[in-house]
Amino acid sequence: MGAKVMERFPAGAPRGSWPAEEYAARLRAEGQPATVVMDLKADDFLVVVPACEEE
Protein backbone atom coordinates (compact mmCIF):
# COMPACT_ATOMS: atom_id res chain seq x y z
CA MET A 1 0.00 0.00 0.00
CA GLY A 2 1.33 3.41 -0.95
CA ALA A 3 0.52 6.97 -0.08
CA LYS A 4 -0.12 10.08 -2.11
CA VAL A 5 1.47 13.35 -0.94
CA MET A 6 -1.20 16.04 -0.94
CA GLU A 7 0.97 18.93 0.30
CA ARG A 8 4.36 19.60 1.90
CA PHE A 9 5.19 22.19 4.52
CA PRO A 10 8.63 23.30 5.75
CA ALA A 11 9.40 22.18 9.29
CA GLY A 12 10.52 25.69 10.23
CA ALA A 13 7.05 27.17 10.72
CA PRO A 14 6.74 29.90 13.36
CA ARG A 15 6.35 28.71 16.95
CA GLY A 16 2.75 27.74 17.65
CA SER A 17 1.94 27.37 13.95
CA TRP A 18 0.95 23.92 12.68
CA PRO A 19 0.04 24.41 8.99
CA ALA A 20 0.43 20.72 8.07
CA GLU A 21 -1.85 19.60 10.90
CA GLU A 22 -4.40 22.29 10.00
CA TYR A 23 -4.40 21.23 6.33
CA ALA A 24 -4.75 17.56 7.29
CA ALA A 25 -7.66 18.44 9.58
CA ARG A 26 -9.43 20.18 6.69
CA LEU A 27 -8.95 17.10 4.50
CA ARG A 28 -10.26 14.83 7.26
CA ALA A 29 -13.32 17.10 7.62
CA GLU A 30 -13.93 16.48 3.89
CA GLY A 31 -13.76 12.72 4.45
CA GLN A 32 -10.20 11.97 3.36
CA PRO A 33 -8.04 9.94 5.79
CA ALA A 34 -5.13 12.43 5.85
CA THR A 35 -2.06 11.91 8.01
CA VAL A 36 0.97 14.11 8.70
CA VAL A 37 4.41 12.50 8.42
CA MET A 38 7.93 13.92 8.59
CA ASP A 39 10.36 13.76 5.66
CA LEU A 40 13.62 13.90 7.59
CA LYS A 41 15.86 14.29 4.53
CA ALA A 42 13.92 17.29 3.21
CA ASP A 43 13.04 18.64 6.70
CA ASP A 44 9.39 18.90 5.63
CA PHE A 45 6.08 17.76 7.00
CA LEU A 46 4.04 15.86 4.41
CA VAL A 47 0.27 15.52 4.39
CA VAL A 48 -0.47 12.11 2.88
CA VAL A 49 -3.53 10.04 2.06
CA PRO A 50 -3.63 6.36 1.13
CA ALA A 51 -3.05 5.83 -2.60
CA CYS A 52 -5.93 4.45 -4.64
CA GLU A 53 -5.46 1.01 -6.20
CA GLU A 54 -5.86 2.41 -9.74
CA GLU A 55 -2.93 4.84 -9.39
C-alpha atoms as a PDB file:
ATOM      1  CA  MET A   1       0.000   0.000   0.000  1.00  0.00           C
ATOM      2  CA  GLY A   2       1.330   3.409  -0.955  1.00  0.00           C
ATOM      3  CA  ALA A   3       0.518   6.972  -0.078  1.00  0.00           C
ATOM      4  CA  LYS A   4      -0.124  10.084  -2.115  1.00  0.00           C
ATOM      5  CA  VAL A   5       1.469  13.346  -0.937  1.00  0.00           C
ATOM      6  CA  MET A   6      -1.201  16.037  -0.944  1.00  0.00           C
ATOM      7  CA  GLU A   7       0.966  18.925   0.298  1.00  0.00           C
ATOM      8  CA  ARG A   8       4.356  19.595   1.899  1.00  0.00           C
ATOM      9  CA  PHE A   9       5.188  22.194   4.518  1.00  0.00           C
ATOM     10  CA  PRO A  10       8.632  23.299   5.751  1.00  0.00           C
ATOM     11  CA  ALA A  11       9.398  22.177   9.292  1.00  0.00           C
ATOM     12  CA  GLY A  12      10.522  25.689  10.229  1.00  0.00           C
ATOM     13  CA  ALA A  13       7.052  27.167  10.720  1.00  0.00           C
ATOM     14  CA  PRO A  14       6.742  29.897  13.357  1.00  0.00           C
ATOM     15  CA  ARG A  15       6.349  28.715  16.945  1.00  0.00           C
ATOM     16  CA  GLY A  16       2.749  27.735  17.654  1.00  0.00           C
ATOM     17  CA  SER A  17       1.936  27.373  13.949  1.00  0.00           C
ATOM     18  CA  TRP A  18       0.945  23.917  12.677  1.00  0.00           C
ATOM     19  CA  PRO A  19       0.038  24.408   8.994  1.00  0.00           C
ATOM     20  CA  ALA A  20       0.433  20.716   8.066  1.00  0.00           C
ATOM     21  CA  GLU A  21      -1.853  19.605  10.902  1.00  0.00           C
ATOM     22  CA  GLU A  22      -4.399  22.289   9.996  1.00  0.00           C
ATOM     23  CA  TYR A  23      -4.397  21.225   6.334  1.00  0.00           C
ATOM     24  CA  ALA A  24      -4.749  17.557   7.292  1.00  0.00           C
ATOM     25  CA  ALA A  25      -7.664  18.441   9.584  1.00  0.00           C
ATOM     26  CA  ARG A  26      -9.427  20.185   6.687  1.00  0.00           C
ATOM     27  CA  LEU A  27      -8.947  17.100   4.495  1.00  0.00           C
ATOM     28  CA  ARG A  28     -10.263  14.831   7.264  1.00  0.00           C
ATOM     29  CA  ALA A  29     -13.319  17.100   7.616  1.00  0.00           C
ATOM     30  CA  GLU A  30     -13.926  16.478   3.889  1.00  0.00           C
ATOM     31  CA  GLY A  31     -13.764  12.716   4.453  1.00  0.00           C
ATOM     32  CA  GLN A  32     -10.196  11.965   3.359  1.00  0.00           C
ATOM     33  CA  PRO A  33      -8.041   9.945   5.789  1.00  0.00           C
ATOM     34  CA  ALA A  34      -5.135  12.432   5.848  1.00  0.00           C
ATOM     35  CA  THR A  35      -2.055  11.906   8.006  1.00  0.00           C
ATOM     36  CA  VAL A  36       0.973  14.106   8.695  1.00  0.00           C
ATOM     37  CA  VAL A  37       4.412  12.498   8.423  1.00  0.00           C
ATOM     38  CA  MET A  38       7.928  13.917   8.587  1.00  0.00           C
ATOM     39  CA  ASP A  39      10.363  13.765   5.659  1.00  0.00           C
ATOM     40  CA  LEU A  40      13.615  13.903   7.593  1.00  0.00           C
ATOM     41  CA  LYS A  41      15.865  14.294   4.533  1.00  0.00           C
ATOM     42  CA  ALA A  42      13.920  17.292   3.213  1.00  0.00           C
ATOM     43  CA  ASP A  43      13.039  18.643   6.702  1.00  0.00           C
ATOM     44  CA  ASP A  44       9.391  18.903   5.627  1.00  0.00           C
ATOM     45  CA  PHE A  45       6.075  17.763   7.004  1.00  0.00           C
ATOM     46  CA  LEU A  46       4.038  15.857   4.406  1.00  0.00           C
ATOM     47  CA  VAL A  47       0.271  15.517   4.388  1.00  0.00           C
ATOM     48  CA  VAL A  48      -0.470  12.107   2.885  1.00  0.00           C
ATOM     49  CA  VAL A  49      -3.535  10.043   2.056  1.00  0.00           C
ATOM     50  CA  PRO A  50      -3.626   6.358   1.127  1.00  0.00           C
ATOM     51  CA  ALA A  51      -3.052   5.827  -2.597  1.00  0.00           C
ATOM     52  CA  CYS A  52      -5.930   4.451  -4.636  1.00  0.00           C
ATOM     53  CA  GLU A  53      -5.456   1.015  -6.204  1.00  0.00           C
ATOM     54  CA  GLU A  54      -5.861   2.412  -9.738  1.00  0.00           C
ATOM     55  CA  GLU A  55      -2.926   4.840  -9.391  1.00  0.00           C
END
